[in-house]
Protein backbone atom coordinates (compact mmCIF):
# COMPACT_ATOMS: atom_id res chain seq x y z
CA UNK A 1 0.00 0.00 0.00
CA UNK A 2 2.87 2.38 0.81
CA UNK A 3 4.46 1.73 -2.59
CA UNK A 4 1.14 2.35 -4.33
CA UNK A 5 0.73 5.65 -2.48
CA UNK A 6 4.22 6.81 -3.46
CA UNK A 7 3.64 5.77 -7.08
CA UNK A 8 0.39 7.77 -7.13
CA UNK A 9 2.10 10.87 -5.69
CA UNK A 10 4.86 10.59 -8.26
CA UNK A 11 2.30 10.36 -11.06
CA UNK A 12 0.47 13.45 -9.76
CA UNK A 13 3.71 15.40 -9.46
CA UNK A 14 4.67 14.42 -12.99
CA UNK A 15 1.28 15.44 -14.36
CA UNK A 16 1.52 18.85 -12.71
CA UNK A 17 4.95 19.38 -14.20
CA UNK A 18 3.92 18.72 -17.81
CA UNK A 19 2.14 22.01 -18.64
CA UNK A 20 4.85 23.96 -16.86
CA UNK A 21 7.67 22.23 -18.73
CA UNK A 22 5.90 22.83 -22.03
CA UNK A 23 6.79 26.52 -21.95
CA UNK A 24 10.56 26.02 -21.71
CA UNK A 25 12.10 28.85 -23.79
CA UNK A 26 14.31 28.23 -26.78
CA UNK A 27 17.91 29.32 -27.07
CA UNK A 28 16.96 32.74 -28.48
CA UNK A 29 14.08 33.44 -26.06
CA UNK A 30 14.02 36.33 -23.61
CA UNK A 31 15.44 35.72 -20.15
CA UNK A 32 14.54 36.74 -16.61
CA UNK A 33 17.81 35.99 -14.86
CA UNK A 34 18.53 32.89 -12.84
CA UNK A 35 15.67 30.93 -11.32
CA UNK A 36 16.07 28.98 -8.09
CA UNK A 37 14.06 26.33 -6.24
CA UNK A 38 14.19 24.52 -2.91
CA UNK A 39 11.92 21.64 -1.89
CA UNK A 40 12.45 21.86 1.90
CA UNK A 41 14.63 23.86 4.29
CA UNK A 42 14.51 24.69 8.00
CA UNK A 43 16.36 26.99 10.37
CA UNK A 44 16.51 27.41 14.14
CA UNK A 45 17.05 24.82 16.89
CA UNK A 46 16.62 22.13 14.21
CA UNK A 47 18.34 22.98 10.92
CA UNK A 48 17.53 21.21 7.67
CA UNK A 49 19.73 22.28 4.74
CA UNK A 50 17.94 23.12 1.46
CA UNK A 51 17.01 19.70 0.07
CA UNK A 52 17.24 19.58 -2.85
CA UNK A 53 18.22 23.06 -4.10
CA UNK A 54 19.01 24.28 -7.59
CA UNK A 55 19.83 27.64 -9.21
CA UNK A 56 20.25 28.11 -12.96
CA UNK A 57 20.10 30.74 -15.71
CA UNK A 58 20.30 28.14 -18.47
CA UNK A 59 17.70 28.00 -21.21
CA UNK A 60 16.73 24.44 -20.25
CA UNK A 61 15.66 23.16 -16.81
CA UNK A 62 18.25 21.94 -14.34
CA UNK A 63 16.64 19.41 -12.01
CA UNK A 64 17.47 17.75 -8.70
CA UNK A 65 15.45 15.13 -6.83
CA UNK A 66 15.60 13.31 -3.51
CA UNK A 67 13.56 10.19 -2.82
CA UNK A 68 13.20 10.81 0.92
CA UNK A 69 14.21 13.61 3.30
CA UNK A 70 16.93 12.46 5.72
CA UNK A 71 15.62 11.75 9.25
CA UNK A 72 15.20 14.78 11.53
CA UNK A 73 12.97 15.68 14.52
CA UNK A 74 10.53 18.04 12.80
CA UNK A 75 9.60 17.15 9.22
CA UNK A 76 9.11 14.07 7.04
CA UNK A 77 8.72 14.11 3.27
CA UNK A 78 9.25 12.03 0.15
CA UNK A 79 9.70 12.63 -3.59
CA UNK A 80 11.34 16.05 -3.21
CA UNK A 81 11.91 17.84 -6.53
CA UNK A 82 13.44 21.16 -7.56
CA UNK A 83 13.96 22.59 -11.05
CA UNK A 84 15.16 25.98 -12.30
CA UNK A 85 16.13 27.75 -15.49
CA UNK A 86 16.16 31.28 -16.83
CA UNK A 87 13.13 33.14 -15.47
CA UNK A 88 11.51 29.95 -14.15
CA UNK A 89 11.51 27.67 -11.10
CA UNK A 90 9.37 24.98 -9.53
CA UNK A 91 9.47 22.77 -6.46
CA UNK A 92 7.36 19.91 -5.11
CA UNK A 93 7.14 17.69 -2.05
CA UNK A 94 5.00 14.58 -1.52
CA UNK A 95 3.82 12.82 1.62
CA UNK A 96 4.58 15.78 3.90
CA UNK A 97 4.34 15.33 7.69
CA UNK A 98 5.02 17.84 10.47
CA UNK A 99 3.68 15.70 13.28
CA UNK A 100 4.33 18.11 16.18
CA UNK A 101 2.39 20.78 14.31
CA UNK A 102 -0.35 18.48 13.06
CA UNK A 103 0.38 19.43 9.43
CA UNK A 104 0.01 16.87 6.66
CA UNK A 105 -0.21 17.01 2.85
CA UNK A 106 -0.20 14.46 0.05
CA UNK A 107 1.44 16.91 -2.33
CA UNK A 108 2.76 20.48 -2.11
CA UNK A 109 3.88 22.43 -5.20
CA UNK A 110 5.14 25.91 -6.05
CA UNK A 111 6.07 27.41 -9.39
CA UNK A 112 7.37 30.78 -10.55
CA UNK A 113 7.39 32.00 -14.14
CA UNK A 114 8.69 35.38 -15.31
CA UNK A 115 8.02 37.09 -11.99
CA UNK A 116 4.63 35.46 -11.33
CA UNK A 117 4.09 32.63 -8.87
CA UNK A 118 1.47 30.21 -7.61
CA UNK A 119 1.33 27.27 -5.19
CA UNK A 120 -1.01 24.33 -4.73
CA UNK A 121 -1.82 21.87 -1.94
CA UNK A 122 -3.32 18.40 -2.30
CA UNK A 123 -5.13 16.85 0.68
CA UNK A 124 -3.50 19.22 3.15
CA UNK A 125 -4.71 19.36 6.76
CA UNK A 126 -3.69 21.28 9.87
CA UNK A 127 -4.77 19.76 13.18
CA UNK A 128 -7.44 17.83 11.32
CA UNK A 129 -8.84 20.84 9.44
CA UNK A 130 -8.61 20.91 5.66
CA UNK A 131 -6.45 23.65 4.18
CA UNK A 132 -7.48 25.38 0.96
CA UNK A 133 -5.81 23.92 -2.11
CA UNK A 134 -5.22 27.34 -3.69
CA UNK A 135 -4.99 29.86 -0.85
CA UNK A 136 -4.76 33.59 -1.51
CA UNK A 137 -1.20 34.95 -1.31
CA UNK A 138 0.13 35.32 2.24
CA UNK A 139 -2.78 33.57 3.97
CA UNK A 140 -1.73 33.11 7.62
CA UNK A 141 -3.05 30.68 10.22
CA UNK A 142 -1.99 30.78 13.90
CA UNK A 143 -1.71 27.51 15.79
CA UNK A 144 -1.34 27.10 19.56
CA UNK A 145 1.02 24.31 20.54
CA UNK A 146 -0.18 23.24 23.98
CA UNK A 147 2.54 23.52 26.58
CA UNK A 148 5.17 24.39 23.98
CA UNK A 149 4.41 27.69 22.27
CA UNK A 150 2.70 28.89 19.09
CA UNK A 151 3.22 28.74 15.35
CA UNK A 152 2.18 30.75 12.30
CA UNK A 153 1.58 28.83 9.09
CA UNK A 154 1.61 31.01 5.96
CA UNK A 155 0.15 29.54 2.79
CA UNK A 156 1.16 30.68 -0.70
CA UNK A 157 3.71 33.15 0.73
CA UNK A 158 4.78 35.81 -1.78
CA UNK A 159 7.87 37.99 -1.24
CA UNK A 160 9.28 40.31 -3.91
CA UNK A 161 12.78 41.76 -3.53
CA UNK A 162 14.02 45.19 -4.59
CA UNK A 163 15.12 43.82 -7.97
CA UNK A 164 11.63 42.58 -8.74
CA UNK A 165 12.32 38.88 -8.22
CA UNK A 166 9.48 36.94 -6.65
CA UNK A 167 9.81 34.08 -4.17
CA UNK A 168 6.68 31.98 -3.74
CA UNK A 169 6.67 29.44 -0.89
CA UNK A 170 3.76 27.03 -0.69
CA UNK A 171 3.98 26.60 3.11
CA UNK A 172 6.08 28.70 5.49
CA UNK A 173 6.07 27.78 9.19
CA UNK A 174 7.40 30.04 11.93
CA UNK A 175 7.14 28.59 15.43
CA UNK A 176 8.20 29.89 18.84
CA UNK A 177 9.32 26.94 20.92
CA UNK A 178 10.65 27.52 24.43
CA UNK A 179 11.61 31.05 23.45
CA UNK A 180 13.41 30.03 20.23
CA UNK A 181 12.23 30.55 16.66
CA UNK A 182 11.98 27.59 14.32
CA UNK A 183 11.28 28.12 10.61
CA UNK A 184 10.35 25.57 7.96
CA UNK A 185 9.87 26.31 4.25
CA UNK A 186 8.06 23.82 2.02
CA UNK A 187 8.27 24.11 -1.79
CA UNK A 188 9.87 27.44 -2.61
CA UNK A 189 10.49 28.89 -6.09
CA UNK A 190 12.17 32.17 -7.10
CA UNK A 191 12.25 33.91 -10.48
CA UNK A 192 12.43 37.32 -12.14
CA UNK A 193 10.48 38.94 -14.91
CA UNK A 194 11.61 38.15 -18.42
CA UNK A 195 13.11 41.07 -20.30
CA UNK A 196 11.34 42.24 -23.45
CA UNK A 197 12.98 41.92 -26.89
CA UNK A 198 15.23 44.88 -27.61
CA UNK A 199 16.17 45.48 -23.96
CA UNK A 200 19.88 45.42 -23.00
CA UNK A 201 21.30 41.91 -23.09
CA UNK A 202 18.56 40.57 -25.35
CA UNK A 203 19.15 39.35 -28.93
CA UNK A 204 17.65 41.43 -31.78
CA UNK A 205 14.34 40.11 -33.05
CA UNK A 206 15.30 40.40 -36.72
CA UNK A 207 17.21 42.44 -39.34
CA UNK A 208 16.82 46.21 -39.30
CA UNK A 209 14.70 48.02 -41.83
CA UNK A 210 17.12 49.12 -44.64
CA UNK A 211 15.29 52.45 -44.88
CA UNK A 212 15.94 53.17 -41.19
CA UNK A 213 19.06 51.31 -39.94
CA UNK A 214 18.54 52.52 -36.38
CA UNK A 215 15.00 51.10 -36.03
CA UNK A 216 14.59 47.34 -35.48
CA UNK A 217 11.74 45.53 -37.16
CA UNK A 218 8.62 44.74 -35.14
CA UNK A 219 9.58 42.13 -32.53
CA UNK A 220 7.73 38.90 -32.07
CA UNK A 221 5.66 39.16 -28.85
CA UNK A 222 7.18 37.13 -25.99
CA UNK A 223 5.26 34.22 -24.50
CA UNK A 224 2.56 35.33 -22.09
CA UNK A 225 3.52 35.23 -18.41
CA UNK A 226 1.38 33.23 -16.04
CA UNK A 227 -1.25 35.43 -14.36
CA UNK A 228 -0.68 36.55 -10.78
CA UNK A 229 -3.10 34.76 -8.44
CA UNK A 230 -5.96 37.09 -7.52
CA UNK A 231 -7.11 36.90 -3.87
CA UNK A 232 -10.87 36.43 -3.50
CA UNK A 233 -12.52 38.50 -0.82
CA UNK A 234 -13.89 36.33 1.95
CA UNK A 235 -11.55 33.36 1.40
CA UNK A 236 -10.87 31.41 4.56
CA UNK A 237 -7.56 29.65 5.05
CA UNK A 238 -9.17 26.44 6.21
CA UNK A 239 -12.39 24.64 5.42
CA UNK A 240 -14.47 22.09 7.20
C-alpha atoms as a PDB file:
ATOM      1  CA  UNK A   1       0.000   0.000   0.000  1.00  0.00           C
ATOM      2  CA  UNK A   2       2.868   2.381   0.807  1.00  0.00           C
ATOM      3  CA  UNK A   3       4.462   1.728  -2.593  1.00  0.00           C
ATOM      4  CA  UNK A   4       1.144   2.351  -4.334  1.00  0.00           C
ATOM      5  CA  UNK A   5       0.727   5.654  -2.484  1.00  0.00           C
ATOM      6  CA  UNK A   6       4.219   6.813  -3.464  1.00  0.00           C
ATOM      7  CA  UNK A   7       3.641   5.766  -7.075  1.00  0.00           C
ATOM      8  CA  UNK A   8       0.391   7.770  -7.133  1.00  0.00           C
ATOM      9  CA  UNK A   9       2.095  10.868  -5.691  1.00  0.00           C
ATOM     10  CA  UNK A  10       4.864  10.588  -8.264  1.00  0.00           C
ATOM     11  CA  UNK A  11       2.304  10.363 -11.057  1.00  0.00           C
ATOM     12  CA  UNK A  12       0.473  13.452  -9.761  1.00  0.00           C
ATOM     13  CA  UNK A  13       3.713  15.404  -9.462  1.00  0.00           C
ATOM     14  CA  UNK A  14       4.671  14.421 -12.993  1.00  0.00           C
ATOM     15  CA  UNK A  15       1.276  15.439 -14.360  1.00  0.00           C
ATOM     16  CA  UNK A  16       1.518  18.845 -12.709  1.00  0.00           C
ATOM     17  CA  UNK A  17       4.953  19.384 -14.197  1.00  0.00           C
ATOM     18  CA  UNK A  18       3.917  18.721 -17.806  1.00  0.00           C
ATOM     19  CA  UNK A  19       2.141  22.008 -18.640  1.00  0.00           C
ATOM     20  CA  UNK A  20       4.852  23.963 -16.861  1.00  0.00           C
ATOM     21  CA  UNK A  21       7.674  22.232 -18.726  1.00  0.00           C
ATOM     22  CA  UNK A  22       5.896  22.830 -22.033  1.00  0.00           C
ATOM     23  CA  UNK A  23       6.789  26.524 -21.954  1.00  0.00           C
ATOM     24  CA  UNK A  24      10.563  26.023 -21.714  1.00  0.00           C
ATOM     25  CA  UNK A  25      12.097  28.853 -23.786  1.00  0.00           C
ATOM     26  CA  UNK A  26      14.309  28.228 -26.784  1.00  0.00           C
ATOM     27  CA  UNK A  27      17.911  29.321 -27.070  1.00  0.00           C
ATOM     28  CA  UNK A  28      16.956  32.737 -28.477  1.00  0.00           C
ATOM     29  CA  UNK A  29      14.083  33.437 -26.063  1.00  0.00           C
ATOM     30  CA  UNK A  30      14.024  36.327 -23.611  1.00  0.00           C
ATOM     31  CA  UNK A  31      15.437  35.724 -20.153  1.00  0.00           C
ATOM     32  CA  UNK A  32      14.540  36.742 -16.611  1.00  0.00           C
ATOM     33  CA  UNK A  33      17.814  35.992 -14.863  1.00  0.00           C
ATOM     34  CA  UNK A  34      18.534  32.888 -12.838  1.00  0.00           C
ATOM     35  CA  UNK A  35      15.675  30.930 -11.324  1.00  0.00           C
ATOM     36  CA  UNK A  36      16.067  28.980  -8.088  1.00  0.00           C
ATOM     37  CA  UNK A  37      14.064  26.332  -6.243  1.00  0.00           C
ATOM     38  CA  UNK A  38      14.187  24.515  -2.907  1.00  0.00           C
ATOM     39  CA  UNK A  39      11.916  21.642  -1.887  1.00  0.00           C
ATOM     40  CA  UNK A  40      12.454  21.859   1.902  1.00  0.00           C
ATOM     41  CA  UNK A  41      14.628  23.856   4.285  1.00  0.00           C
ATOM     42  CA  UNK A  42      14.508  24.692   7.995  1.00  0.00           C
ATOM     43  CA  UNK A  43      16.356  26.992  10.371  1.00  0.00           C
ATOM     44  CA  UNK A  44      16.512  27.411  14.140  1.00  0.00           C
ATOM     45  CA  UNK A  45      17.053  24.818  16.895  1.00  0.00           C
ATOM     46  CA  UNK A  46      16.620  22.135  14.210  1.00  0.00           C
ATOM     47  CA  UNK A  47      18.341  22.980  10.917  1.00  0.00           C
ATOM     48  CA  UNK A  48      17.528  21.210   7.668  1.00  0.00           C
ATOM     49  CA  UNK A  49      19.729  22.277   4.736  1.00  0.00           C
ATOM     50  CA  UNK A  50      17.942  23.124   1.461  1.00  0.00           C
ATOM     51  CA  UNK A  51      17.007  19.702   0.075  1.00  0.00           C
ATOM     52  CA  UNK A  52      17.243  19.584  -2.848  1.00  0.00           C
ATOM     53  CA  UNK A  53      18.218  23.057  -4.095  1.00  0.00           C
ATOM     54  CA  UNK A  54      19.013  24.276  -7.590  1.00  0.00           C
ATOM     55  CA  UNK A  55      19.827  27.635  -9.210  1.00  0.00           C
ATOM     56  CA  UNK A  56      20.248  28.114 -12.955  1.00  0.00           C
ATOM     57  CA  UNK A  57      20.099  30.738 -15.706  1.00  0.00           C
ATOM     58  CA  UNK A  58      20.300  28.143 -18.471  1.00  0.00           C
ATOM     59  CA  UNK A  59      17.698  27.996 -21.206  1.00  0.00           C
ATOM     60  CA  UNK A  60      16.726  24.439 -20.248  1.00  0.00           C
ATOM     61  CA  UNK A  61      15.657  23.162 -16.810  1.00  0.00           C
ATOM     62  CA  UNK A  62      18.253  21.943 -14.344  1.00  0.00           C
ATOM     63  CA  UNK A  63      16.642  19.411 -12.007  1.00  0.00           C
ATOM     64  CA  UNK A  64      17.475  17.747  -8.705  1.00  0.00           C
ATOM     65  CA  UNK A  65      15.455  15.130  -6.834  1.00  0.00           C
ATOM     66  CA  UNK A  66      15.605  13.312  -3.506  1.00  0.00           C
ATOM     67  CA  UNK A  67      13.556  10.194  -2.820  1.00  0.00           C
ATOM     68  CA  UNK A  68      13.196  10.814   0.919  1.00  0.00           C
ATOM     69  CA  UNK A  69      14.211  13.614   3.299  1.00  0.00           C
ATOM     70  CA  UNK A  70      16.934  12.462   5.724  1.00  0.00           C
ATOM     71  CA  UNK A  71      15.623  11.750   9.248  1.00  0.00           C
ATOM     72  CA  UNK A  72      15.201  14.778  11.530  1.00  0.00           C
ATOM     73  CA  UNK A  73      12.968  15.676  14.518  1.00  0.00           C
ATOM     74  CA  UNK A  74      10.528  18.036  12.797  1.00  0.00           C
ATOM     75  CA  UNK A  75       9.595  17.153   9.217  1.00  0.00           C
ATOM     76  CA  UNK A  76       9.114  14.073   7.043  1.00  0.00           C
ATOM     77  CA  UNK A  77       8.722  14.114   3.265  1.00  0.00           C
ATOM     78  CA  UNK A  78       9.250  12.032   0.146  1.00  0.00           C
ATOM     79  CA  UNK A  79       9.702  12.626  -3.586  1.00  0.00           C
ATOM     80  CA  UNK A  80      11.336  16.050  -3.206  1.00  0.00           C
ATOM     81  CA  UNK A  81      11.914  17.836  -6.525  1.00  0.00           C
ATOM     82  CA  UNK A  82      13.443  21.161  -7.561  1.00  0.00           C
ATOM     83  CA  UNK A  83      13.956  22.593 -11.046  1.00  0.00           C
ATOM     84  CA  UNK A  84      15.164  25.979 -12.300  1.00  0.00           C
ATOM     85  CA  UNK A  85      16.133  27.747 -15.491  1.00  0.00           C
ATOM     86  CA  UNK A  86      16.163  31.283 -16.833  1.00  0.00           C
ATOM     87  CA  UNK A  87      13.127  33.136 -15.466  1.00  0.00           C
ATOM     88  CA  UNK A  88      11.507  29.951 -14.151  1.00  0.00           C
ATOM     89  CA  UNK A  89      11.506  27.673 -11.104  1.00  0.00           C
ATOM     90  CA  UNK A  90       9.366  24.976  -9.535  1.00  0.00           C
ATOM     91  CA  UNK A  91       9.466  22.766  -6.458  1.00  0.00           C
ATOM     92  CA  UNK A  92       7.362  19.908  -5.115  1.00  0.00           C
ATOM     93  CA  UNK A  93       7.138  17.689  -2.047  1.00  0.00           C
ATOM     94  CA  UNK A  94       5.003  14.584  -1.519  1.00  0.00           C
ATOM     95  CA  UNK A  95       3.816  12.823   1.623  1.00  0.00           C
ATOM     96  CA  UNK A  96       4.583  15.785   3.904  1.00  0.00           C
ATOM     97  CA  UNK A  97       4.340  15.330   7.688  1.00  0.00           C
ATOM     98  CA  UNK A  98       5.024  17.841  10.466  1.00  0.00           C
ATOM     99  CA  UNK A  99       3.683  15.704  13.280  1.00  0.00           C
ATOM    100  CA  UNK A 100       4.333  18.106  16.177  1.00  0.00           C
ATOM    101  CA  UNK A 101       2.390  20.784  14.310  1.00  0.00           C
ATOM    102  CA  UNK A 102      -0.350  18.475  13.061  1.00  0.00           C
ATOM    103  CA  UNK A 103       0.378  19.428   9.430  1.00  0.00           C
ATOM    104  CA  UNK A 104       0.011  16.866   6.660  1.00  0.00           C
ATOM    105  CA  UNK A 105      -0.213  17.012   2.853  1.00  0.00           C
ATOM    106  CA  UNK A 106      -0.195  14.462   0.055  1.00  0.00           C
ATOM    107  CA  UNK A 107       1.442  16.909  -2.328  1.00  0.00           C
ATOM    108  CA  UNK A 108       2.764  20.479  -2.113  1.00  0.00           C
ATOM    109  CA  UNK A 109       3.882  22.430  -5.198  1.00  0.00           C
ATOM    110  CA  UNK A 110       5.138  25.907  -6.052  1.00  0.00           C
ATOM    111  CA  UNK A 111       6.072  27.410  -9.387  1.00  0.00           C
ATOM    112  CA  UNK A 112       7.375  30.775 -10.548  1.00  0.00           C
ATOM    113  CA  UNK A 113       7.387  32.001 -14.138  1.00  0.00           C
ATOM    114  CA  UNK A 114       8.691  35.379 -15.308  1.00  0.00           C
ATOM    115  CA  UNK A 115       8.023  37.094 -11.987  1.00  0.00           C
ATOM    116  CA  UNK A 116       4.632  35.462 -11.332  1.00  0.00           C
ATOM    117  CA  UNK A 117       4.086  32.635  -8.871  1.00  0.00           C
ATOM    118  CA  UNK A 118       1.465  30.211  -7.608  1.00  0.00           C
ATOM    119  CA  UNK A 119       1.328  27.275  -5.191  1.00  0.00           C
ATOM    120  CA  UNK A 120      -1.013  24.331  -4.732  1.00  0.00           C
ATOM    121  CA  UNK A 121      -1.816  21.866  -1.938  1.00  0.00           C
ATOM    122  CA  UNK A 122      -3.321  18.402  -2.301  1.00  0.00           C
ATOM    123  CA  UNK A 123      -5.132  16.848   0.675  1.00  0.00           C
ATOM    124  CA  UNK A 124      -3.497  19.222   3.151  1.00  0.00           C
ATOM    125  CA  UNK A 125      -4.714  19.355   6.763  1.00  0.00           C
ATOM    126  CA  UNK A 126      -3.691  21.281   9.873  1.00  0.00           C
ATOM    127  CA  UNK A 127      -4.772  19.760  13.182  1.00  0.00           C
ATOM    128  CA  UNK A 128      -7.441  17.827  11.321  1.00  0.00           C
ATOM    129  CA  UNK A 129      -8.842  20.844   9.444  1.00  0.00           C
ATOM    130  CA  UNK A 130      -8.612  20.909   5.658  1.00  0.00           C
ATOM    131  CA  UNK A 131      -6.448  23.652   4.176  1.00  0.00           C
ATOM    132  CA  UNK A 132      -7.482  25.384   0.963  1.00  0.00           C
ATOM    133  CA  UNK A 133      -5.805  23.921  -2.108  1.00  0.00           C
ATOM    134  CA  UNK A 134      -5.219  27.338  -3.688  1.00  0.00           C
ATOM    135  CA  UNK A 135      -4.986  29.856  -0.853  1.00  0.00           C
ATOM    136  CA  UNK A 136      -4.760  33.588  -1.511  1.00  0.00           C
ATOM    137  CA  UNK A 137      -1.197  34.953  -1.313  1.00  0.00           C
ATOM    138  CA  UNK A 138       0.130  35.320   2.241  1.00  0.00           C
ATOM    139  CA  UNK A 139      -2.776  33.574   3.969  1.00  0.00           C
ATOM    140  CA  UNK A 140      -1.728  33.111   7.618  1.00  0.00           C
ATOM    141  CA  UNK A 141      -3.045  30.679  10.224  1.00  0.00           C
ATOM    142  CA  UNK A 142      -1.990  30.778  13.900  1.00  0.00           C
ATOM    143  CA  UNK A 143      -1.708  27.512  15.792  1.00  0.00           C
ATOM    144  CA  UNK A 144      -1.341  27.099  19.564  1.00  0.00           C
ATOM    145  CA  UNK A 145       1.023  24.305  20.542  1.00  0.00           C
ATOM    146  CA  UNK A 146      -0.177  23.236  23.981  1.00  0.00           C
ATOM    147  CA  UNK A 147       2.538  23.517  26.583  1.00  0.00           C
ATOM    148  CA  UNK A 148       5.173  24.388  23.980  1.00  0.00           C
ATOM    149  CA  UNK A 149       4.405  27.689  22.272  1.00  0.00           C
ATOM    150  CA  UNK A 150       2.705  28.892  19.090  1.00  0.00           C
ATOM    151  CA  UNK A 151       3.215  28.743  15.352  1.00  0.00           C
ATOM    152  CA  UNK A 152       2.182  30.751  12.303  1.00  0.00           C
ATOM    153  CA  UNK A 153       1.575  28.828   9.086  1.00  0.00           C
ATOM    154  CA  UNK A 154       1.612  31.010   5.963  1.00  0.00           C
ATOM    155  CA  UNK A 155       0.150  29.544   2.790  1.00  0.00           C
ATOM    156  CA  UNK A 156       1.165  30.683  -0.698  1.00  0.00           C
ATOM    157  CA  UNK A 157       3.706  33.148   0.728  1.00  0.00           C
ATOM    158  CA  UNK A 158       4.782  35.814  -1.779  1.00  0.00           C
ATOM    159  CA  UNK A 159       7.869  37.987  -1.240  1.00  0.00           C
ATOM    160  CA  UNK A 160       9.282  40.309  -3.909  1.00  0.00           C
ATOM    161  CA  UNK A 161      12.778  41.764  -3.526  1.00  0.00           C
ATOM    162  CA  UNK A 162      14.017  45.192  -4.590  1.00  0.00           C
ATOM    163  CA  UNK A 163      15.121  43.823  -7.967  1.00  0.00           C
ATOM    164  CA  UNK A 164      11.625  42.580  -8.742  1.00  0.00           C
ATOM    165  CA  UNK A 165      12.319  38.880  -8.222  1.00  0.00           C
ATOM    166  CA  UNK A 166       9.475  36.938  -6.649  1.00  0.00           C
ATOM    167  CA  UNK A 167       9.807  34.078  -4.170  1.00  0.00           C
ATOM    168  CA  UNK A 168       6.682  31.979  -3.735  1.00  0.00           C
ATOM    169  CA  UNK A 169       6.670  29.436  -0.894  1.00  0.00           C
ATOM    170  CA  UNK A 170       3.762  27.026  -0.694  1.00  0.00           C
ATOM    171  CA  UNK A 171       3.981  26.604   3.109  1.00  0.00           C
ATOM    172  CA  UNK A 172       6.079  28.704   5.488  1.00  0.00           C
ATOM    173  CA  UNK A 173       6.073  27.784   9.185  1.00  0.00           C
ATOM    174  CA  UNK A 174       7.402  30.042  11.929  1.00  0.00           C
ATOM    175  CA  UNK A 175       7.136  28.593  15.428  1.00  0.00           C
ATOM    176  CA  UNK A 176       8.200  29.885  18.836  1.00  0.00           C
ATOM    177  CA  UNK A 177       9.318  26.942  20.916  1.00  0.00           C
ATOM    178  CA  UNK A 178      10.648  27.520  24.432  1.00  0.00           C
ATOM    179  CA  UNK A 179      11.614  31.051  23.449  1.00  0.00           C
ATOM    180  CA  UNK A 180      13.413  30.030  20.233  1.00  0.00           C
ATOM    181  CA  UNK A 181      12.226  30.547  16.663  1.00  0.00           C
ATOM    182  CA  UNK A 182      11.985  27.590  14.319  1.00  0.00           C
ATOM    183  CA  UNK A 183      11.278  28.119  10.611  1.00  0.00           C
ATOM    184  CA  UNK A 184      10.348  25.570   7.957  1.00  0.00           C
ATOM    185  CA  UNK A 185       9.873  26.312   4.249  1.00  0.00           C
ATOM    186  CA  UNK A 186       8.058  23.822   2.025  1.00  0.00           C
ATOM    187  CA  UNK A 187       8.267  24.109  -1.788  1.00  0.00           C
ATOM    188  CA  UNK A 188       9.873  27.440  -2.612  1.00  0.00           C
ATOM    189  CA  UNK A 189      10.490  28.888  -6.094  1.00  0.00           C
ATOM    190  CA  UNK A 190      12.168  32.172  -7.095  1.00  0.00           C
ATOM    191  CA  UNK A 191      12.250  33.908 -10.484  1.00  0.00           C
ATOM    192  CA  UNK A 192      12.429  37.322 -12.136  1.00  0.00           C
ATOM    193  CA  UNK A 193      10.476  38.942 -14.906  1.00  0.00           C
ATOM    194  CA  UNK A 194      11.610  38.148 -18.416  1.00  0.00           C
ATOM    195  CA  UNK A 195      13.114  41.075 -20.301  1.00  0.00           C
ATOM    196  CA  UNK A 196      11.342  42.236 -23.453  1.00  0.00           C
ATOM    197  CA  UNK A 197      12.981  41.922 -26.893  1.00  0.00           C
ATOM    198  CA  UNK A 198      15.228  44.880 -27.612  1.00  0.00           C
ATOM    199  CA  UNK A 199      16.174  45.478 -23.956  1.00  0.00           C
ATOM    200  CA  UNK A 200      19.876  45.423 -23.000  1.00  0.00           C
ATOM    201  CA  UNK A 201      21.297  41.915 -23.091  1.00  0.00           C
ATOM    202  CA  UNK A 202      18.564  40.572 -25.353  1.00  0.00           C
ATOM    203  CA  UNK A 203      19.149  39.351 -28.931  1.00  0.00           C
ATOM    204  CA  UNK A 204      17.650  41.433 -31.779  1.00  0.00           C
ATOM    205  CA  UNK A 205      14.336  40.105 -33.053  1.00  0.00           C
ATOM    206  CA  UNK A 206      15.302  40.403 -36.716  1.00  0.00           C
ATOM    207  CA  UNK A 207      17.206  42.440 -39.343  1.00  0.00           C
ATOM    208  CA  UNK A 208      16.821  46.214 -39.303  1.00  0.00           C
ATOM    209  CA  UNK A 209      14.703  48.022 -41.834  1.00  0.00           C
ATOM    210  CA  UNK A 210      17.123  49.123 -44.644  1.00  0.00           C
ATOM    211  CA  UNK A 211      15.294  52.453 -44.880  1.00  0.00           C
ATOM    212  CA  UNK A 212      15.939  53.167 -41.188  1.00  0.00           C
ATOM    213  CA  UNK A 213      19.057  51.314 -39.937  1.00  0.00           C
ATOM    214  CA  UNK A 214      18.536  52.520 -36.378  1.00  0.00           C
ATOM    215  CA  UNK A 215      14.998  51.097 -36.030  1.00  0.00           C
ATOM    216  CA  UNK A 216      14.589  47.338 -35.482  1.00  0.00           C
ATOM    217  CA  UNK A 217      11.743  45.527 -37.162  1.00  0.00           C
ATOM    218  CA  UNK A 218       8.619  44.741 -35.144  1.00  0.00           C
ATOM    219  CA  UNK A 219       9.579  42.126 -32.531  1.00  0.00           C
ATOM    220  CA  UNK A 220       7.729  38.901 -32.070  1.00  0.00           C
ATOM    221  CA  UNK A 221       5.657  39.160 -28.849  1.00  0.00           C
ATOM    222  CA  UNK A 222       7.179  37.128 -25.992  1.00  0.00           C
ATOM    223  CA  UNK A 223       5.261  34.224 -24.496  1.00  0.00           C
ATOM    224  CA  UNK A 224       2.561  35.333 -22.094  1.00  0.00           C
ATOM    225  CA  UNK A 225       3.521  35.228 -18.413  1.00  0.00           C
ATOM    226  CA  UNK A 226       1.381  33.226 -16.042  1.00  0.00           C
ATOM    227  CA  UNK A 227      -1.250  35.430 -14.358  1.00  0.00           C
ATOM    228  CA  UNK A 228      -0.678  36.553 -10.781  1.00  0.00           C
ATOM    229  CA  UNK A 229      -3.098  34.762  -8.443  1.00  0.00           C
ATOM    230  CA  UNK A 230      -5.961  37.090  -7.520  1.00  0.00           C
ATOM    231  CA  UNK A 231      -7.111  36.903  -3.871  1.00  0.00           C
ATOM    232  CA  UNK A 232     -10.869  36.428  -3.502  1.00  0.00           C
ATOM    233  CA  UNK A 233     -12.516  38.500  -0.815  1.00  0.00           C
ATOM    234  CA  UNK A 234     -13.886  36.327   1.954  1.00  0.00           C
ATOM    235  CA  UNK A 235     -11.552  33.356   1.398  1.00  0.00           C
ATOM    236  CA  UNK A 236     -10.872  31.412   4.560  1.00  0.00           C
ATOM    237  CA  UNK A 237      -7.555  29.646   5.053  1.00  0.00           C
ATOM    238  CA  UNK A 238      -9.174  26.435   6.213  1.00  0.00           C
ATOM    239  CA  UNK A 239     -12.394  24.635   5.419  1.00  0.00           C
ATOM    240  CA  UNK A 240     -14.470  22.092   7.204  1.00  0.00           C
END
